[in-house]
Amino acid sequence: MIDLHTHSLFSDGVLVPAELVRRAIVKGYEAIAITDHADGSNFDFIVPRIVRAAEELSGVWPITVIPGIEITHVPPSMIADMVKDARALGAVWVVCHGESPVEPVEPGTNRAGILSGADMLAHPGFITKQDAVLAARKGVYLEITARKGHSLTNGHVAKVATEAGTNLVINTDGHEPGDLITLEFAKQVLAGAGLDKKGVAKAIQNSREIVNNLLGGYAN
């Protein structure tokens, strides 16, 4: 299992990074990205600490830990600058919190996230075909999520992404120990979103390719 969207107690998760990573190892994870929620008030505090945790834990445990951030509920006009600033601080995987139907995300956030240079749009809700096409052109991944609530639109995301040729990945958006999943359960979530066997395999492979591209082949 490769999970590119999780949270520690640096935002609204409940675990310190070390426990989050340890539990992921026991669950069978090959790689995990820690992507705590951030806006202009806290990203400069969070990113360096996640970077340190990733460097320390990847060096001693059999897992790749990716330092990231999730830009969350930020006004669309500010997202691009925050992506640049987060990367400058060491975030190698930048997620933009998409227009989930269960949160009051400002309309236009999906489009701004895609244009900002972020790597992935999390739980993009009822993303339009036009924005999915744009994501494909920009190389931005769209998320199929195991997270309750956000997962309500997985079927729509899978359908639109398949039509637009946009790459999908499967993540947990994990906040608590029970949110972490096995690879087999991830495949069930993807199938439940309406993807065929080829689509399920491609989404799983996309995550492995991302890790290999980011960190030089550490995913087995």
Protein backbone atom coordinates (compact mmCIF):
# COMPACT_ATOMS: atom_id res chain seq x y z
CA MET A 1 0.00 0.00 0.00
CA ILE A 2 1.15 3.50 -0.86
CA ASP A 3 -0.79 6.31 0.78
CA LEU A 4 -0.15 9.86 -0.39
CA HIS A 5 -2.59 11.67 1.91
CA THR A 6 -2.40 11.35 5.71
CA HIS A 7 -2.44 13.65 8.74
CA SER A 8 -0.54 13.78 12.02
CA LEU A 9 -1.17 15.85 15.14
CA PHE A 10 0.55 18.75 13.40
CA SER A 11 -2.96 19.41 12.05
CA ASP A 12 -6.11 17.43 12.87
CA GLY A 13 -4.66 13.93 13.05
CA VAL A 14 -4.21 12.18 16.39
CA LEU A 15 -0.74 10.59 16.06
CA VAL A 16 2.79 11.92 16.11
CA PRO A 17 4.54 11.16 12.81
CA ALA A 18 6.54 8.27 14.30
CA GLU A 19 3.44 6.41 15.48
CA LEU A 20 1.61 7.12 12.23
CA VAL A 21 4.52 5.67 10.25
CA ARG A 22 4.93 2.69 12.57
CA ARG A 23 1.27 1.79 12.26
CA ALA A 24 1.54 2.12 8.49
CA ILE A 25 4.43 -0.33 8.44
CA VAL A 26 2.42 -2.88 10.41
CA LYS A 27 -0.46 -2.38 7.95
CA GLY A 28 1.86 -3.31 5.09
CA TYR A 29 2.64 0.11 3.68
CA GLU A 30 5.59 0.64 1.35
CA ALA A 31 5.35 4.42 1.43
CA ILE A 32 3.37 7.14 3.16
CA ALA A 33 3.10 10.88 2.65
CA ILE A 34 2.38 13.06 5.67
CA THR A 35 0.29 15.92 4.34
CA ASP A 36 -1.03 17.96 7.23
CA HIS A 37 -3.60 20.68 6.69
CA ALA A 38 -2.12 24.13 6.24
CA ASP A 39 -2.90 27.72 5.35
CA GLY A 40 -0.84 30.88 5.61
CA SER A 41 -0.85 30.76 9.40
CA ASN A 42 0.92 27.46 9.94
CA PHE A 43 2.58 26.01 6.82
CA ASP A 44 5.99 27.44 7.76
CA PHE A 45 5.74 25.65 11.12
CA ILE A 46 4.46 22.33 9.81
CA VAL A 47 6.55 21.65 6.70
CA PRO A 48 10.02 21.72 8.33
CA ARG A 49 8.85 19.35 11.07
CA ILE A 50 7.40 16.89 8.60
CA VAL A 51 10.60 17.09 6.56
CA ARG A 52 12.64 16.23 9.66
CA ALA A 53 10.35 13.35 10.57
CA ALA A 54 10.50 11.98 7.03
CA GLU A 55 14.29 12.10 6.95
CA GLU A 56 14.67 10.42 10.33
CA LEU A 57 12.05 7.71 9.95
CA SER A 58 12.87 6.74 6.36
CA GLY A 59 16.44 6.16 7.46
CA VAL A 60 15.68 3.58 10.13
CA TRP A 61 12.45 1.85 9.13
CA PRO A 62 11.58 -0.13 5.97
CA ILE A 63 9.23 2.48 4.53
CA THR A 64 9.50 5.60 2.41
CA VAL A 65 8.17 8.65 4.25
CA ILE A 66 7.36 11.58 1.99
CA PRO A 67 7.21 15.12 3.40
CA GLY A 68 4.14 16.90 2.10
CA ILE A 69 1.38 19.35 2.92
CA GLU A 70 -2.31 19.78 2.16
CA ILE A 71 -3.26 23.36 1.36
CA THR A 72 -6.70 23.59 2.90
CA HIS A 73 -9.58 26.07 2.51
CA VAL A 74 -7.18 28.72 1.23
CA PRO A 75 -8.73 31.42 -1.00
CA PRO A 76 -8.19 30.28 -4.60
CA SER A 77 -6.19 33.40 -5.47
CA MET A 78 -3.62 32.52 -2.79
CA ILE A 79 -3.09 28.84 -3.54
CA ALA A 80 -0.34 29.15 -6.17
CA ASP A 81 1.90 31.28 -3.95
CA MET A 82 1.43 28.88 -1.05
CA VAL A 83 2.40 25.92 -3.23
CA LYS A 84 5.65 27.68 -4.14
CA ASP A 85 6.37 28.59 -0.52
CA ALA A 86 5.68 25.06 0.71
CA ARG A 87 8.07 23.60 -1.86
CA ALA A 88 10.73 26.10 -0.85
CA LEU A 89 10.46 24.79 2.72
CA GLY A 90 10.97 21.20 1.58
CA ALA A 91 7.53 19.77 0.81
CA VAL A 92 8.06 17.37 -2.07
CA TRP A 93 4.39 16.33 -2.38
CA VAL A 94 1.89 19.18 -2.36
CA VAL A 95 -1.82 18.42 -2.13
CA CYS A 96 -4.63 20.89 -2.64
CA HIS A 97 -7.83 20.26 -0.67
CA GLY A 98 -10.50 19.93 -3.34
CA GLU A 99 -14.18 20.85 -3.45
CA SER A 100 -15.49 18.01 -1.32
CA PRO A 101 -19.31 18.02 -1.08
CA VAL A 102 -19.16 17.68 2.71
CA GLU A 103 -17.20 20.86 3.41
CA PRO A 104 -17.84 24.51 2.42
CA VAL A 105 -14.86 24.76 0.09
CA GLU A 106 -14.91 27.94 -1.98
CA PRO A 107 -16.01 27.34 -5.59
CA GLY A 108 -13.07 27.65 -7.94
CA THR A 109 -10.69 25.85 -5.59
CA ASN A 110 -10.44 22.80 -7.87
CA ARG A 111 -9.41 24.93 -10.83
CA ALA A 112 -6.99 27.03 -8.76
CA GLY A 113 -5.41 23.91 -7.28
CA ILE A 114 -4.85 22.41 -10.71
CA LEU A 115 -3.29 25.61 -12.04
CA SER A 116 -1.17 26.22 -8.94
CA GLY A 117 1.47 23.58 -9.57
CA ALA A 118 0.17 21.28 -6.82
CA ASP A 119 0.72 17.57 -7.39
CA MET A 120 -2.69 16.24 -6.44
CA LEU A 121 -6.24 17.46 -5.96
CA ALA A 122 -7.72 15.68 -2.95
CA HIS A 123 -11.36 14.57 -2.88
CA PRO A 124 -12.36 16.92 -5.74
CA GLY A 125 -16.09 16.34 -5.32
CA PHE A 126 -18.20 17.06 -8.40
CA ILE A 127 -15.21 18.12 -10.45
CA THR A 128 -16.15 19.24 -13.94
CA LYS A 129 -15.05 17.47 -17.09
CA GLN A 130 -13.29 20.68 -18.12
CA ASP A 131 -11.22 20.75 -14.93
CA ALA A 132 -10.45 17.04 -15.20
CA VAL A 133 -9.12 17.61 -18.72
CA LEU A 134 -7.03 20.50 -17.41
CA ALA A 135 -5.66 18.27 -14.64
CA ALA A 136 -4.65 15.70 -17.24
CA ARG A 137 -2.81 18.36 -19.23
CA LYS A 138 -1.05 19.70 -16.14
CA GLY A 139 -0.11 16.28 -14.80
CA VAL A 140 -2.18 16.74 -11.63
CA TYR A 141 -3.50 13.57 -10.02
CA LEU A 142 -7.09 13.24 -8.84
CA GLU A 143 -7.87 11.29 -5.70
CA ILE A 144 -10.18 8.40 -5.03
CA THR A 145 -10.53 8.42 -1.26
CA ALA A 146 -11.33 5.89 1.42
CA ARG A 147 -12.35 8.75 3.73
CA LYS A 148 -15.98 8.72 4.83
CA GLY A 149 -17.95 11.70 3.58
CA HIS A 150 -15.41 12.70 0.98
CA SER A 151 -15.87 9.30 -0.68
CA LEU A 152 -19.49 10.11 -1.62
CA THR A 153 -18.34 11.44 -4.99
CA ASN A 154 -15.74 8.75 -5.77
CA GLY A 155 -17.95 7.39 -8.54
CA HIS A 156 -18.25 10.79 -10.19
CA VAL A 157 -14.50 11.43 -9.92
CA ALA A 158 -13.65 8.04 -11.40
CA LYS A 159 -16.09 8.48 -14.29
CA VAL A 160 -14.96 12.00 -15.20
CA ALA A 161 -11.27 11.16 -14.82
CA THR A 162 -11.63 8.09 -17.02
CA GLU A 163 -13.36 10.14 -19.73
CA ALA A 164 -10.76 12.92 -19.50
CA GLY A 165 -7.72 10.66 -19.32
CA THR A 166 -6.73 12.01 -15.90
CA ASN A 167 -4.52 9.93 -13.63
CA LEU A 168 -6.10 8.67 -10.41
CA VAL A 169 -4.62 7.57 -7.10
CA ILE A 170 -6.18 5.93 -4.03
CA ASN A 171 -5.51 7.39 -0.57
CA THR A 172 -6.99 7.23 2.91
CA ASP A 173 -6.90 10.87 4.03
CA GLY A 174 -6.11 9.15 7.30
CA HIS A 175 -6.49 11.03 10.59
CA GLU A 176 -6.70 8.13 13.07
CA PRO A 177 -5.15 4.64 13.32
CA GLY A 178 -8.31 2.98 12.07
CA ASP A 179 -8.21 4.99 8.85
CA LEU A 180 -5.18 3.16 7.49
CA ILE A 181 -6.08 0.41 5.02
CA THR A 182 -4.56 -2.61 3.31
CA LEU A 183 -3.79 -2.78 -0.37
CA GLU A 184 -6.65 -5.22 -0.89
CA PHE A 185 -9.11 -2.82 0.70
CA ALA A 186 -7.76 -0.02 -1.48
CA LYS A 187 -8.53 -2.12 -4.52
CA GLN A 188 -12.08 -2.61 -3.25
CA VAL A 189 -12.54 1.15 -2.87
CA LEU A 190 -11.34 1.69 -6.43
CA ALA A 191 -13.62 -1.02 -7.78
CA GLY A 192 -16.47 0.43 -5.77
CA ALA A 193 -15.89 3.75 -7.50
CA GLY A 194 -16.68 2.02 -10.78
CA LEU A 195 -13.20 1.34 -12.14
CA ASP A 196 -12.63 -1.89 -14.04
CA LYS A 197 -9.67 -4.19 -13.29
CA LYS A 198 -7.42 -2.24 -15.62
CA GLY A 199 -8.40 1.04 -14.00
CA VAL A 200 -7.82 -0.34 -10.51
CA ALA A 201 -4.37 -1.61 -11.45
CA LYS A 202 -3.48 1.69 -13.11
CA ALA A 203 -4.42 3.73 -10.03
CA ILE A 204 -2.29 1.48 -7.82
CA GLN A 205 0.61 1.70 -10.26
CA ASN A 206 0.31 5.48 -10.43
CA SER A 207 1.12 5.73 -6.72
CA ARG A 208 4.21 3.57 -7.12
CA GLU A 209 5.41 5.64 -10.07
CA ILE A 210 4.91 8.84 -8.08
CA VAL A 211 7.10 7.58 -5.24
CA ASN A 212 9.76 6.34 -7.65
CA ASN A 213 9.80 9.68 -9.44
CA LEU A 214 9.89 11.72 -6.23
CA LEU A 215 12.54 9.79 -4.35
CA GLY A 216 14.60 7.94 -6.88
CA GLY A 217 13.18 4.46 -6.78
CA TYR A 218 12.68 3.69 -3.11
CA ALA A 219 9.29 2.01 -3.65
CA ASN A 220 9.72 -1.72 -4.23
